[in-house]
Structure formats: C-alpha cells, structure tokens
C-alpha cells in the first residue's frame, strides 16, 4: 500500500506538465506480464531486467540533484561500469542494453531512496527506451513501459533523451 500511495503522489505531483494520472499498482501488471516480484530465470520481471545491486554501479551524478520532473524528489544517476563512457560522451552511440538507475530521495540528505526510476535502452520501442519504476532495492518492478510522463519530459533532452547536465 505504501507504493500505491507513493505512485498516487508521484502521479499528482509537479513534473514536466504532462499526464498526472496515478500509476497502476504493481498488481495491475500489463496483460501477459509476469506478476511483480516473481523473477524469471533470466532475472527479468514484467519483461524488464531487475537492477538489484545498482548501489555497486558507478554514480555519474556529481551531486544529488533536485528534479521537478521526478515529482520534486532528489535524484542521483548510476550506470553499470561498462556504460559510463557512452553516457558521458555525447557523441558516442548508446548501447541497446544501457540501464540508468535514478534513486529518488525525499530530501538532499535522506539516506535511503523512496524508489528507483530506471531507463533501459531498447531501440525496438517507440521512444528508444523502456521506462520503469522499481522498489528501492531494484528487485521489484512497479511499472514499466512507455510511460508518457517520462517520454514527454525526456524528449526535451534531445535525440537520445538523456539529460547530461550533471552539476
């Protein structure tokens, strides 16, 4: 229930001026998708990879940043080490399996994230990315797909939909 309340707050909070409908609860997974929390042997849930262990990835944000687009939360950006160079080089091709994990915090000094927003590079999708909300440990996918609020905001970042201003 805590996540349903959180998603309702996220859906209603200020973002990029787009659709503010509450996100569906985890129990309302897309038709044909696996229920959240029941990972398949390939370490996927709802057809997206789990991101357990994201805390061991490389933080590319120089400091925690306030983000209106992330429902007035404070965010950091983490990438698997093999994707850092492509992220930092605006001229590099973005690998089709790149995953950005953005833990969302209630304050600049909060120690534990409330949840994770995740971008998964997937050139087979309309936006080139799958957008997802995860539990703080990265094990449970709460929502995934072409989330309109995410795609609308990140479209302003340019062709690759990545905001790279990290300071």
C-alpha atoms as a PDB file:
ATOM      1  CA  UNK A   1       0.000   0.000   0.000  1.00  0.00           C
ATOM      2  CA  UNK A   2       2.915   2.360   0.665  1.00  0.00           C
ATOM      3  CA  UNK A   3       3.911   2.152  -3.007  1.00  0.00           C
ATOM      4  CA  UNK A   4       0.342   2.737  -4.194  1.00  0.00           C
ATOM      5  CA  UNK A   5       0.250   5.913  -2.087  1.00  0.00           C
ATOM      6  CA  UNK A   6       3.683   6.891  -3.388  1.00  0.00           C
ATOM      7  CA  UNK A   7       2.644   6.339  -7.015  1.00  0.00           C
ATOM      8  CA  UNK A   8      -0.513   8.351  -6.448  1.00  0.00           C
ATOM      9  CA  UNK A   9       1.613  11.178  -5.064  1.00  0.00           C
ATOM     10  CA  UNK A  10       4.047  10.871  -7.976  1.00  0.00           C
ATOM     11  CA  UNK A  11       1.248  10.924 -10.495  1.00  0.00           C
ATOM     12  CA  UNK A  12      -0.256  14.042  -8.938  1.00  0.00           C
ATOM     13  CA  UNK A  13       2.964  15.927  -8.173  1.00  0.00           C
ATOM     14  CA  UNK A  14       4.506  18.571 -10.418  1.00  0.00           C
ATOM     15  CA  UNK A  15       6.524  17.059 -13.207  1.00  0.00           C
ATOM     16  CA  UNK A  16       7.023  18.128 -16.791  1.00  0.00           C
ATOM     17  CA  UNK A  17       3.491  19.402 -17.307  1.00  0.00           C
ATOM     18  CA  UNK A  18       2.183  16.140 -18.703  1.00  0.00           C
ATOM     19  CA  UNK A  19      -0.349  13.485 -17.699  1.00  0.00           C
ATOM     20  CA  UNK A  20      -0.601  13.230 -13.908  1.00  0.00           C
ATOM     21  CA  UNK A  21      -2.805  10.154 -13.576  1.00  0.00           C
ATOM     22  CA  UNK A  22      -1.723   7.830 -10.748  1.00  0.00           C
ATOM     23  CA  UNK A  23       0.437   4.939 -11.850  1.00  0.00           C
ATOM     24  CA  UNK A  24      -1.143   1.485 -11.619  1.00  0.00           C
ATOM     25  CA  UNK A  25      -0.394  -0.612  -8.581  1.00  0.00           C
ATOM     26  CA  UNK A  26       2.028  -3.492  -9.015  1.00  0.00           C
ATOM     27  CA  UNK A  27      -0.885  -5.947  -9.013  1.00  0.00           C
ATOM     28  CA  UNK A  28      -2.177  -4.298 -12.198  1.00  0.00           C
ATOM     29  CA  UNK A  29       0.686  -5.510 -14.396  1.00  0.00           C
ATOM     30  CA  UNK A  30       0.185  -5.397 -18.158  1.00  0.00           C
ATOM     31  CA  UNK A  31      -1.689  -8.306 -19.663  1.00  0.00           C
ATOM     32  CA  UNK A  32       0.628 -11.244 -20.233  1.00  0.00           C
ATOM     33  CA  UNK A  33       3.345  -9.861 -17.972  1.00  0.00           C
ATOM     34  CA  UNK A  34       4.736 -11.709 -15.010  1.00  0.00           C
ATOM     35  CA  UNK A  35       3.474 -10.545 -11.615  1.00  0.00           C
ATOM     36  CA  UNK A  36       5.929  -8.160  -9.953  1.00  0.00           C
ATOM     37  CA  UNK A  37       8.292  -9.868  -7.566  1.00  0.00           C
ATOM     38  CA  UNK A  38       8.361 -13.221  -9.394  1.00  0.00           C
ATOM     39  CA  UNK A  39      11.584 -13.014 -11.350  1.00  0.00           C
ATOM     40  CA  UNK A  40      12.091 -15.402 -14.253  1.00  0.00           C
ATOM     41  CA  UNK A  41      15.361 -17.325 -14.549  1.00  0.00           C
ATOM     42  CA  UNK A  42      16.662 -14.590 -16.884  1.00  0.00           C
ATOM     43  CA  UNK A  43      16.410 -12.124 -13.985  1.00  0.00           C
ATOM     44  CA  UNK A  44      13.551 -10.179 -15.528  1.00  0.00           C
ATOM     45  CA  UNK A  45      10.235  -9.014 -14.130  1.00  0.00           C
ATOM     46  CA  UNK A  46       7.481  -7.722 -16.413  1.00  0.00           C
ATOM     47  CA  UNK A  47       9.914  -8.198 -19.339  1.00  0.00           C
ATOM     48  CA  UNK A  48      12.493  -5.768 -17.915  1.00  0.00           C
ATOM     49  CA  UNK A  49      15.701  -6.682 -16.079  1.00  0.00           C
ATOM     50  CA  UNK A  50      15.930  -6.387 -12.341  1.00  0.00           C
ATOM     51  CA  UNK A  51      18.522  -3.874 -11.157  1.00  0.00           C
ATOM     52  CA  UNK A  52      19.487  -5.462  -7.864  1.00  0.00           C
ATOM     53  CA  UNK A  53      22.978  -4.371  -6.871  1.00  0.00           C
ATOM     54  CA  UNK A  54      22.615  -0.954  -8.505  1.00  0.00           C
ATOM     55  CA  UNK A  55      24.326   0.522  -5.419  1.00  0.00           C
ATOM     56  CA  UNK A  56      27.600  -1.047  -6.634  1.00  0.00           C
ATOM     57  CA  UNK A  57      27.353   0.638 -10.046  1.00  0.00           C
ATOM     58  CA  UNK A  58      29.163   3.870 -10.833  1.00  0.00           C
ATOM     59  CA  UNK A  59      27.497   7.105  -9.761  1.00  0.00           C
ATOM     60  CA  UNK A  60      27.840   9.596 -12.620  1.00  0.00           C
ATOM     61  CA  UNK A  61      25.979  12.457 -10.985  1.00  0.00           C
ATOM     62  CA  UNK A  62      28.449  14.723  -9.238  1.00  0.00           C
ATOM     63  CA  UNK A  63      25.939  15.504  -6.514  1.00  0.00           C
ATOM     64  CA  UNK A  64      22.334  14.757  -5.619  1.00  0.00           C
ATOM     65  CA  UNK A  65      20.112  16.884  -7.847  1.00  0.00           C
ATOM     66  CA  UNK A  66      16.639  18.302  -7.242  1.00  0.00           C
ATOM     67  CA  UNK A  67      14.294  17.263 -10.050  1.00  0.00           C
ATOM     68  CA  UNK A  68      10.861  18.736 -10.645  1.00  0.00           C
ATOM     69  CA  UNK A  69      10.370  16.123 -13.359  1.00  0.00           C
ATOM     70  CA  UNK A  70      10.892  13.399 -10.788  1.00  0.00           C
ATOM     71  CA  UNK A  71       7.996  14.607  -8.663  1.00  0.00           C
ATOM     72  CA  UNK A  72      10.063  17.141  -6.736  1.00  0.00           C
ATOM     73  CA  UNK A  73      12.439  14.467  -5.496  1.00  0.00           C
ATOM     74  CA  UNK A  74      16.226  14.477  -5.223  1.00  0.00           C
ATOM     75  CA  UNK A  75      17.966  12.088  -7.641  1.00  0.00           C
ATOM     76  CA  UNK A  76      21.351  10.556  -8.361  1.00  0.00           C
ATOM     77  CA  UNK A  77      22.342   8.680 -11.535  1.00  0.00           C
ATOM     78  CA  UNK A  78      24.027   5.258 -11.570  1.00  0.00           C
ATOM     79  CA  UNK A  79      25.240   3.190 -14.515  1.00  0.00           C
ATOM     80  CA  UNK A  80      26.917  -0.163 -14.906  1.00  0.00           C
ATOM     81  CA  UNK A  81      30.674   0.497 -15.351  1.00  0.00           C
ATOM     82  CA  UNK A  82      30.664  -0.678 -18.980  1.00  0.00           C
ATOM     83  CA  UNK A  83      28.148   2.057 -19.916  1.00  0.00           C
ATOM     84  CA  UNK A  84      29.692   5.087 -18.209  1.00  0.00           C
ATOM     85  CA  UNK A  85      31.894   6.141 -21.132  1.00  0.00           C
ATOM     86  CA  UNK A  86      28.978   6.056 -23.604  1.00  0.00           C
ATOM     87  CA  UNK A  87      26.843   8.116 -21.230  1.00  0.00           C
ATOM     88  CA  UNK A  88      29.491  10.768 -20.644  1.00  0.00           C
ATOM     89  CA  UNK A  89      30.412  11.080 -24.342  1.00  0.00           C
ATOM     90  CA  UNK A  90      27.552  12.873 -26.096  1.00  0.00           C
ATOM     91  CA  UNK A  91      28.892  11.718 -29.486  1.00  0.00           C
ATOM     92  CA  UNK A  92      29.013   8.024 -28.570  1.00  0.00           C
ATOM     93  CA  UNK A  93      26.360   5.550 -29.623  1.00  0.00           C
ATOM     94  CA  UNK A  94      24.155   4.481 -26.732  1.00  0.00           C
ATOM     95  CA  UNK A  95      24.323   0.680 -26.378  1.00  0.00           C
ATOM     96  CA  UNK A  96      20.977  -1.061 -26.728  1.00  0.00           C
ATOM     97  CA  UNK A  97      21.254  -2.581 -23.245  1.00  0.00           C
ATOM     98  CA  UNK A  98      22.289   0.560 -21.300  1.00  0.00           C
ATOM     99  CA  UNK A  99      20.472   0.950 -17.983  1.00  0.00           C
ATOM    100  CA  UNK A 100      20.352   4.185 -15.988  1.00  0.00           C
ATOM    101  CA  UNK A 101      19.197   3.872 -12.391  1.00  0.00           C
ATOM    102  CA  UNK A 102      17.981   7.036 -10.691  1.00  0.00           C
ATOM    103  CA  UNK A 103      17.246   6.554  -6.985  1.00  0.00           C
ATOM    104  CA  UNK A 104      14.725   9.136  -5.773  1.00  0.00           C
ATOM    105  CA  UNK A 105      15.127  10.673  -2.332  1.00  0.00           C
ATOM    106  CA  UNK A 106      12.708  12.790  -0.280  1.00  0.00           C
ATOM    107  CA  UNK A 107      15.461  15.264   0.601  1.00  0.00           C
ATOM    108  CA  UNK A 108      19.013  16.202  -0.231  1.00  0.00           C
ATOM    109  CA  UNK A 109      20.221  14.440   2.918  1.00  0.00           C
ATOM    110  CA  UNK A 110      17.934  11.375   3.013  1.00  0.00           C
ATOM    111  CA  UNK A 111      19.930   8.167   3.389  1.00  0.00           C
ATOM    112  CA  UNK A 112      17.578   5.706   1.681  1.00  0.00           C
ATOM    113  CA  UNK A 113      15.734   6.181  -1.619  1.00  0.00           C
ATOM    114  CA  UNK A 114      11.952   6.027  -1.764  1.00  0.00           C
ATOM    115  CA  UNK A 115      12.077   4.180  -5.087  1.00  0.00           C
ATOM    116  CA  UNK A 116      14.054   3.963  -8.314  1.00  0.00           C
ATOM    117  CA  UNK A 117      13.270   5.378 -11.724  1.00  0.00           C
ATOM    118  CA  UNK A 118      15.034   3.443 -14.449  1.00  0.00           C
ATOM    119  CA  UNK A 119      15.727   3.972 -18.142  1.00  0.00           C
ATOM    120  CA  UNK A 120      16.508   0.862 -20.203  1.00  0.00           C
ATOM    121  CA  UNK A 121      17.799   1.455 -23.737  1.00  0.00           C
ATOM    122  CA  UNK A 122      15.642  -0.509 -26.173  1.00  0.00           C
ATOM    123  CA  UNK A 123      15.754   0.618 -29.786  1.00  0.00           C
ATOM    124  CA  UNK A 124      12.718  -1.559 -30.536  1.00  0.00           C
ATOM    125  CA  UNK A 125      10.446   0.791 -28.583  1.00  0.00           C
ATOM    126  CA  UNK A 126       8.822   3.959 -29.877  1.00  0.00           C
ATOM    127  CA  UNK A 127      10.958   6.256 -27.714  1.00  0.00           C
ATOM    128  CA  UNK A 128      14.109   4.112 -27.828  1.00  0.00           C
ATOM    129  CA  UNK A 129      13.792   3.484 -24.088  1.00  0.00           C
ATOM    130  CA  UNK A 130      11.723   1.445 -21.680  1.00  0.00           C
ATOM    131  CA  UNK A 131      10.864   3.494 -18.595  1.00  0.00           C
ATOM    132  CA  UNK A 132      10.307   1.828 -15.231  1.00  0.00           C
ATOM    133  CA  UNK A 133       9.674   2.344 -11.520  1.00  0.00           C
ATOM    134  CA  UNK A 134      11.304  -0.132  -9.138  1.00  0.00           C
ATOM    135  CA  UNK A 135      11.385  -0.846  -5.436  1.00  0.00           C
ATOM    136  CA  UNK A 136      14.400   0.751  -3.698  1.00  0.00           C
ATOM    137  CA  UNK A 137      16.414  -2.486  -3.832  1.00  0.00           C
ATOM    138  CA  UNK A 138      15.843  -2.866  -7.587  1.00  0.00           C
ATOM    139  CA  UNK A 139      14.250  -6.299  -7.242  1.00  0.00           C
ATOM    140  CA  UNK A 140      10.596  -5.426  -7.835  1.00  0.00           C
ATOM    141  CA  UNK A 141       9.277  -3.663 -10.928  1.00  0.00           C
ATOM    142  CA  UNK A 142       6.319  -1.485 -10.011  1.00  0.00           C
ATOM    143  CA  UNK A 143       5.569  -0.155 -13.515  1.00  0.00           C
ATOM    144  CA  UNK A 144       7.308  -0.438 -16.879  1.00  0.00           C
ATOM    145  CA  UNK A 145       6.736   0.521 -20.479  1.00  0.00           C
ATOM    146  CA  UNK A 146       6.296   3.693 -22.484  1.00  0.00           C
ATOM    147  CA  UNK A 147       5.367   5.884 -19.518  1.00  0.00           C
ATOM    148  CA  UNK A 148       4.001   9.081 -21.046  1.00  0.00           C
ATOM    149  CA  UNK A 149       5.201  11.390 -18.286  1.00  0.00           C
ATOM    150  CA  UNK A 150       8.773  10.104 -18.733  1.00  0.00           C
ATOM    151  CA  UNK A 151       8.855  10.189 -22.531  1.00  0.00           C
ATOM    152  CA  UNK A 152       7.320  13.674 -22.706  1.00  0.00           C
ATOM    153  CA  UNK A 153       9.854  15.175 -20.286  1.00  0.00           C
ATOM    154  CA  UNK A 154      12.929  13.397 -21.668  1.00  0.00           C
ATOM    155  CA  UNK A 155      12.023  14.368 -25.249  1.00  0.00           C
ATOM    156  CA  UNK A 156      13.280  17.852 -24.305  1.00  0.00           C
ATOM    157  CA  UNK A 157      16.764  16.364 -23.770  1.00  0.00           C
ATOM    158  CA  UNK A 158      17.265  15.736 -27.478  1.00  0.00           C
ATOM    159  CA  UNK A 159      17.509  12.750 -29.765  1.00  0.00           C
ATOM    160  CA  UNK A 160      18.937  10.302 -27.216  1.00  0.00           C
ATOM    161  CA  UNK A 161      16.569  11.555 -24.460  1.00  0.00           C
ATOM    162  CA  UNK A 162      19.416  11.854 -21.938  1.00  0.00           C
ATOM    163  CA  UNK A 163      19.909  14.876 -19.716  1.00  0.00           C
ATOM    164  CA  UNK A 164      23.649  15.033 -19.213  1.00  0.00           C
ATOM    165  CA  UNK A 165      23.998  18.217 -17.151  1.00  0.00           C
ATOM    166  CA  UNK A 166      25.249  16.543 -14.032  1.00  0.00           C
ATOM    167  CA  UNK A 167      26.122  19.568 -11.904  1.00  0.00           C
END
